[in-house]
Protein backbone atom coordinates (compact mmCIF):
# COMPACT_ATOMS: atom_id res chain seq x y z
CA MET A 1 -7.99 7.74 22.80
CA SER A 2 -5.61 9.97 20.86
CA ILE A 3 -2.37 9.16 19.07
CA GLY A 4 0.72 11.40 18.93
CA TYR A 5 4.09 11.44 17.17
CA VAL A 6 7.59 10.93 18.57
CA LYS A 7 10.63 11.09 16.25
CA SER A 8 13.29 8.38 16.37
CA SER A 9 16.62 8.29 14.54
CA CYS A 10 17.21 4.58 15.01
CA SER A 11 17.99 2.49 11.96
CA ASN A 12 16.33 -0.75 10.95
CA ASP A 13 18.33 -3.78 9.88
CA ILE A 14 17.40 -3.97 6.21
CA GLY A 15 20.49 -5.65 4.94
CA GLY A 16 22.79 -2.71 4.24
CA GLU A 17 20.37 0.11 3.52
CA GLY A 18 21.16 3.58 4.91
CA LEU A 19 19.97 5.23 8.06
CA MET A 20 16.25 6.02 7.86
CA ASN A 21 14.41 8.68 9.80
CA ARG A 22 11.59 7.14 11.77
CA PHE A 23 8.56 8.40 13.49
CA VAL A 24 6.47 6.67 16.12
CA ILE A 25 2.73 7.05 16.33
CA LEU A 26 1.46 5.82 19.63
CA SER A 27 -1.19 6.40 22.27
CA ILE A 28 -0.42 9.18 24.73
CA ILE A 29 -2.76 7.74 27.33
CA PHE A 30 -0.93 5.24 29.61
CA LEU A 31 2.08 5.73 27.35
CA PHE A 32 5.40 4.23 28.36
CA LEU A 33 8.27 4.36 25.86
CA LEU A 34 10.55 1.67 27.31
CA GLY A 35 13.00 0.85 24.52
CA ILE A 36 12.98 3.88 22.21
CA GLY A 37 15.55 5.79 24.19
CA GLY A 38 18.50 4.51 22.12
CA CYS A 39 19.19 2.78 18.82
CA THR A 40 20.38 -0.41 20.52
CA GLU A 41 17.13 -0.93 22.41
CA LYS A 42 14.03 -2.57 20.99
CA VAL A 43 10.43 -1.52 21.37
CA SER A 44 8.71 -4.01 23.66
CA ARG A 45 6.38 -6.35 21.81
CA GLY A 46 3.58 -8.62 22.98
CA VAL A 47 2.53 -7.28 26.38
CA SER A 48 3.17 -3.76 27.70
CA GLY A 49 1.92 -3.58 31.27
CA LYS A 50 -1.67 -4.78 31.14
CA LYS A 51 -1.96 -3.96 27.44
CA LYS A 52 -0.95 -6.04 24.45
CA THR A 53 1.11 -4.06 21.93
CA VAL A 54 0.70 -4.38 18.16
CA THR A 55 3.65 -2.75 16.39
CA ILE A 56 3.29 -1.51 12.81
CA GLU A 57 6.14 -0.13 10.73
CA GLY A 58 6.26 1.37 7.26
CA ALA A 59 5.08 3.84 4.67
CA GLU A 60 4.61 7.45 5.69
CA SER A 61 1.96 7.83 3.00
CA MET A 62 -0.24 5.41 4.99
CA ALA A 63 0.21 7.24 8.31
CA LEU A 64 -3.02 9.28 8.21
CA MET A 65 -5.05 6.13 7.63
CA ILE A 66 -3.26 3.91 10.15
CA LYS A 67 -3.41 6.64 12.81
CA ALA A 68 -7.18 6.94 12.37
CA LEU A 69 -7.72 3.16 12.24
CA GLY A 70 -5.60 2.68 15.36
CA GLU A 71 -7.44 5.34 17.34
CA GLU A 72 -10.86 3.92 16.44
CA PHE A 73 -9.81 0.32 17.09
CA MET A 74 -8.48 1.17 20.58
CA LYS A 75 -11.82 2.73 21.55
CA THR A 76 -13.41 -0.73 21.63
CA ASN A 77 -10.24 -2.75 22.27
CA ASN A 78 -8.81 -1.01 25.32
CA ASP A 79 -6.57 -3.99 26.09
CA VAL A 80 -4.49 -3.26 22.96
CA GLU A 81 -1.94 -0.52 22.21
CA ILE A 82 -1.31 0.25 18.50
CA VAL A 83 2.23 1.55 17.88
CA PHE A 84 3.32 2.80 14.44
CA PHE A 85 6.89 3.50 13.34
CA GLN A 86 6.65 5.85 10.37
CA ASN A 87 9.38 5.61 7.73
CA SER A 88 9.35 3.79 4.36
CA SER A 89 7.73 0.84 2.62
CA LEU A 90 11.14 -0.84 2.46
CA ASP A 91 11.49 -0.59 6.23
CA GLY A 92 7.94 -1.84 6.73
CA ILE A 93 8.49 -4.99 4.69
CA PHE A 94 11.87 -5.75 6.27
CA SER A 95 10.46 -5.21 9.75
CA VAL A 96 8.22 -8.22 9.11
CA ILE A 97 11.05 -10.24 7.57
CA ASN A 98 13.35 -9.42 10.51
CA LYS A 99 10.53 -9.87 13.06
CA THR A 100 11.02 -6.39 14.53
CA ALA A 101 7.37 -5.41 13.97
CA ASP A 102 4.10 -7.31 13.87
CA ILE A 103 2.74 -5.62 10.73
CA GLY A 104 4.46 -3.91 7.81
CA ALA A 105 2.72 -1.05 5.98
CA SER A 106 3.75 -0.66 2.34
CA SER A 107 2.60 1.56 -0.51
CA ARG A 108 3.92 -0.97 -3.01
CA ALA A 109 3.57 -4.71 -3.42
CA ILE A 110 6.25 -6.89 -1.91
CA TYR A 111 8.97 -7.98 -4.33
CA ASP A 112 9.73 -11.66 -5.04
CA SER A 113 13.25 -11.13 -3.68
CA GLU A 114 11.74 -9.93 -0.38
CA LEU A 115 9.42 -12.93 -0.17
CA LYS A 116 12.47 -15.13 -0.72
CA LYS A 117 14.35 -13.41 2.12
CA GLY A 118 11.35 -13.94 4.37
CA ALA A 119 11.22 -17.64 3.49
CA GLU A 120 14.94 -17.96 4.21
CA LYS A 121 14.25 -16.63 7.72
CA GLY A 122 11.24 -18.89 8.18
CA VAL A 123 8.70 -16.07 7.85
CA GLU A 124 5.54 -16.84 5.90
CA ILE A 125 4.35 -13.41 4.81
CA HIS A 126 0.62 -12.70 4.42
CA GLU A 127 -0.60 -9.84 2.23
CA TYR A 128 -3.71 -7.70 2.81
CA MET A 129 -4.69 -5.06 0.26
CA LEU A 130 -5.98 -2.29 2.52
CA ALA A 131 -6.79 0.68 0.28
CA LYS A 132 -5.81 2.71 -2.76
CA ASP A 133 -4.42 6.19 -3.16
CA ALA A 134 -3.53 8.43 -6.09
CA VAL A 135 -0.12 9.91 -6.85
CA VAL A 136 -0.60 13.53 -7.90
CA PHE A 137 1.71 16.28 -9.15
CA ALA A 138 1.79 19.59 -7.33
CA VAL A 139 3.18 23.10 -7.72
CA ASN A 140 3.08 26.24 -5.62
CA GLY A 141 -0.37 27.80 -5.36
CA GLU A 142 0.78 30.95 -7.22
CA ASN A 143 2.01 29.00 -10.23
CA LYS A 144 -0.19 29.88 -13.24
CA LEU A 145 0.10 26.41 -14.72
CA LYS A 146 -3.09 24.34 -14.43
CA SER A 147 -2.22 21.14 -16.25
CA MET A 148 0.75 19.28 -17.66
CA LYS A 149 1.28 16.51 -20.22
CA ILE A 150 2.25 13.16 -18.76
CA THR A 151 5.28 13.11 -21.08
CA GLU A 152 6.35 16.48 -19.69
CA ILE A 153 6.05 15.19 -16.13
CA ALA A 154 8.34 12.29 -17.08
CA GLN A 155 10.83 14.74 -18.59
CA ILE A 156 10.90 16.82 -15.38
CA LEU A 157 11.39 13.69 -13.29
CA CYS A 158 14.37 12.53 -15.37
CA GLY A 159 15.84 16.03 -15.64
CA ASP A 160 15.24 16.72 -19.35
CA ILE A 161 12.96 19.67 -18.54
CA TYR A 162 14.39 21.84 -15.75
CA ASN A 163 13.19 25.41 -16.41
CA TRP A 164 9.70 26.95 -16.12
CA LYS A 165 10.21 28.84 -19.41
CA HIS A 166 9.41 25.52 -21.15
CA PHE A 167 5.82 26.06 -20.01
CA GLY A 168 5.73 29.77 -20.88
CA GLY A 169 6.80 30.87 -17.42
CA GLU A 170 9.77 32.88 -16.24
CA ASP A 171 13.36 31.81 -16.84
CA LEU A 172 13.59 30.08 -13.46
CA PRO A 173 14.67 26.58 -12.46
CA ILE A 174 12.13 23.88 -11.68
CA ASP A 175 12.89 22.81 -8.12
CA LEU A 176 12.01 19.11 -7.96
CA TYR A 177 11.36 17.61 -4.52
CA SER A 178 11.18 13.91 -3.66
CA LEU A 179 11.26 11.50 -0.75
CA LYS A 180 14.39 9.37 -0.40
CA ASP A 181 14.99 5.99 -2.02
CA GLY A 182 13.24 3.18 -0.18
CA SER A 183 9.95 5.04 -0.28
CA GLY A 184 7.13 3.18 -2.03
CA LEU A 185 6.18 6.50 -3.61
CA VAL A 186 9.61 6.86 -5.24
CA ASP A 187 9.52 3.22 -6.38
CA TYR A 188 6.10 3.84 -7.94
CA ILE A 189 7.37 6.86 -9.90
CA LYS A 190 10.42 4.96 -11.12
CA ASN A 191 8.45 1.89 -12.20
CA ARG A 192 5.29 3.56 -13.50
CA ILE A 193 6.59 6.75 -15.17
CA LEU A 194 10.37 6.71 -15.56
CA VAL A 195 10.59 2.98 -16.41
CA SER A 196 14.09 2.71 -17.97
CA HIS A 197 15.13 6.33 -17.34
CA ASP A 198 17.17 7.51 -14.36
CA PHE A 199 15.68 9.83 -11.76
CA SER A 200 16.85 13.42 -12.06
CA SER A 201 20.09 14.25 -10.28
CA LEU A 202 18.63 17.73 -9.72
CA ALA A 203 15.97 16.43 -7.33
CA VAL A 204 16.18 17.54 -3.70
CA THR A 205 15.36 14.62 -1.40
CA MET A 206 13.52 15.14 1.87
CA ASP A 207 12.76 12.93 4.85
CA ASP A 208 9.07 13.64 5.34
CA MET A 209 5.94 14.30 3.32
CA SER A 210 5.24 17.34 5.49
CA ASP A 211 8.64 18.77 4.55
CA ILE A 212 7.74 18.48 0.87
CA THR A 213 4.25 19.99 1.16
CA GLY A 214 5.63 22.79 3.34
CA THR A 215 8.35 23.58 0.81
CA VAL A 216 6.01 23.51 -2.18
CA ALA A 217 3.72 25.89 -0.28
CA VAL A 218 6.43 28.57 -0.02
CA ASN A 219 8.66 27.95 -3.07
CA LYS A 220 7.16 29.39 -6.27
CA ASN A 221 9.52 27.25 -8.37
CA ALA A 222 8.60 23.95 -6.70
CA PHE A 223 7.37 20.76 -8.36
CA ALA A 224 6.64 17.55 -6.44
CA PHE A 225 4.77 14.26 -6.58
CA LEU A 226 2.62 13.47 -3.55
CA PRO A 227 -0.13 11.13 -2.37
CA TYR A 228 -3.52 12.76 -2.99
CA GLU A 229 -4.49 12.54 0.68
CA TYR A 230 -1.51 14.71 1.69
CA ALA A 231 -1.72 17.20 -1.18
CA SER A 232 -5.44 17.74 -0.60
CA LEU A 233 -4.74 18.95 2.95
CA SER A 234 -2.82 21.96 1.62
CA LEU A 235 -4.96 23.21 -1.25
CA ASN A 236 -4.87 26.76 0.10
CA SER A 237 -1.14 26.95 -0.63
CA ILE A 238 -0.33 24.30 -3.25
CA LYS A 239 -1.98 23.40 -6.54
CA ILE A 240 -2.66 19.87 -7.80
CA LEU A 241 -2.13 19.77 -11.56
CA ASP A 242 -4.55 18.18 -14.00
CA LEU A 243 -3.04 15.87 -16.60
CA GLU A 244 -3.01 15.90 -20.40
CA ASP A 245 -2.37 12.94 -22.67
CA ASP A 246 -0.32 13.24 -25.87
CA SER A 247 -3.36 14.36 -27.84
CA GLY A 248 -4.01 17.22 -25.40
CA GLN A 249 -7.05 15.51 -23.83
CA LYS A 250 -7.32 16.74 -20.24
CA ILE A 251 -7.74 14.37 -17.29
CA THR A 252 -8.97 16.26 -14.25
CA THR A 253 -7.32 15.19 -11.02
CA ASP A 254 -10.40 14.73 -8.86
CA VAL A 255 -12.09 12.11 -6.70
CA SER A 256 -14.49 11.07 -9.47
CA ASN A 257 -11.73 10.27 -11.95
CA ILE A 258 -9.61 8.58 -9.30
CA ASN A 259 -12.52 6.33 -8.27
CA SER A 260 -13.51 5.54 -11.86
CA GLY A 261 -9.98 4.64 -12.91
CA LYS A 262 -9.80 7.42 -15.50
CA TYR A 263 -6.97 9.03 -13.53
CA PRO A 264 -3.96 6.85 -14.41
CA PHE A 265 -1.73 7.02 -11.34
CA VAL A 266 -3.53 5.00 -8.66
CA ARG A 267 -1.74 2.44 -6.52
CA ASN A 268 -2.58 -0.20 -3.93
CA LEU A 269 -1.63 0.12 -0.26
CA TYR A 270 -0.85 -3.04 1.70
CA LEU A 271 -0.45 -4.51 5.14
CA TYR A 272 2.00 -7.41 5.51
CA CYS A 273 2.08 -9.76 8.44
CA GLY A 274 4.21 -12.76 9.36
CA ASN A 275 2.22 -13.79 12.42
CA THR A 276 -1.57 -13.72 12.72
CA ASN A 277 -1.64 -16.29 15.53
CA ARG A 278 -1.78 -13.57 18.18
CA PRO A 279 -5.47 -12.67 18.54
CA GLU A 280 -4.87 -8.93 18.91
CA ILE A 281 -3.04 -8.80 15.54
CA ALA A 282 -5.81 -10.73 13.80
CA ARG A 283 -8.46 -8.50 15.41
CA PHE A 284 -6.76 -5.32 14.22
CA ILE A 285 -6.34 -6.56 10.64
CA LYS A 286 -9.96 -7.75 10.59
CA PHE A 287 -11.07 -4.32 11.80
CA CYS A 288 -9.03 -2.55 9.11
CA LEU A 289 -10.65 -4.68 6.39
CA SER A 290 -14.19 -4.35 7.78
CA ALA A 291 -16.96 -2.04 6.58
CA GLU A 292 -16.23 0.24 9.54
CA GLY A 293 -12.57 0.29 8.59
CA ARG A 294 -13.45 1.19 4.99
CA LYS A 295 -15.41 4.22 6.21
CA ILE A 296 -12.41 5.44 8.20
CA ILE A 297 -10.11 4.90 5.23
CA LYS A 298 -12.33 6.93 2.89
CA LYS A 299 -12.86 9.67 5.48
CA ASN A 300 -9.09 10.22 5.57
CA GLY A 301 -8.71 10.75 1.82
CA TYR A 302 -7.93 7.22 0.65
CA PHE A 303 -9.94 5.10 -1.75
């Protein structure tokens, strides 16, 4: 059974946050989209025809993994339809709080304030650490740079370094690309690297990871931070930079260093659920956490 993508521009009620672009991953066999035709309609939950629907909403950086897990799960659970709305970690967590999805996918841990909001709505949120991924830093494939100091990366991200001549290149601007606020990836960069510094006002924000990788592939001045699993799909046109610490010691950005913990920018990826009483939800989560699920996760570039 295969899974396809349908784009939706509906917004999720996340307590005043802006309109978020959303994508739906869902089976194209026996597929009936009753409720995605307009922003005022809801996706049907529970039972769709003869199939039970499990709706998942959240982080785009987890889409490759969830798509593969959903496809494999449905092969042996043909009474269940897995539906994934692809947007941000913020949306994923609030979809569980607001009871608009069964499972939230997040590339960051839930905040205490979000747990409190869930409790206020009577939602007891359960956390499942599903996998890990690495946040890497990428440039156009023709860029001669091979590595960069972590302090220099921070300076680009806050706007203190904004020209490639700083690295011995041409007198050209560094075009910084980022996902929008609400993304777990952006939150990770702010909390792990920028800390108390503001994100650069020069950054160009984009809706989708594919937009960023596509732009980096054609823009010789581009610089972006991406999940390893996405960047590694485009190595013919973009370059993943190695890192240097303050002493000049190089840290190669490769699978070995990511697995060993030597590479410093590795994060946890989570599933959140407010209702595991429905057997089909519990079965899917159990499958994701199983040995078979782990194989699928690793096959798709996660750790």
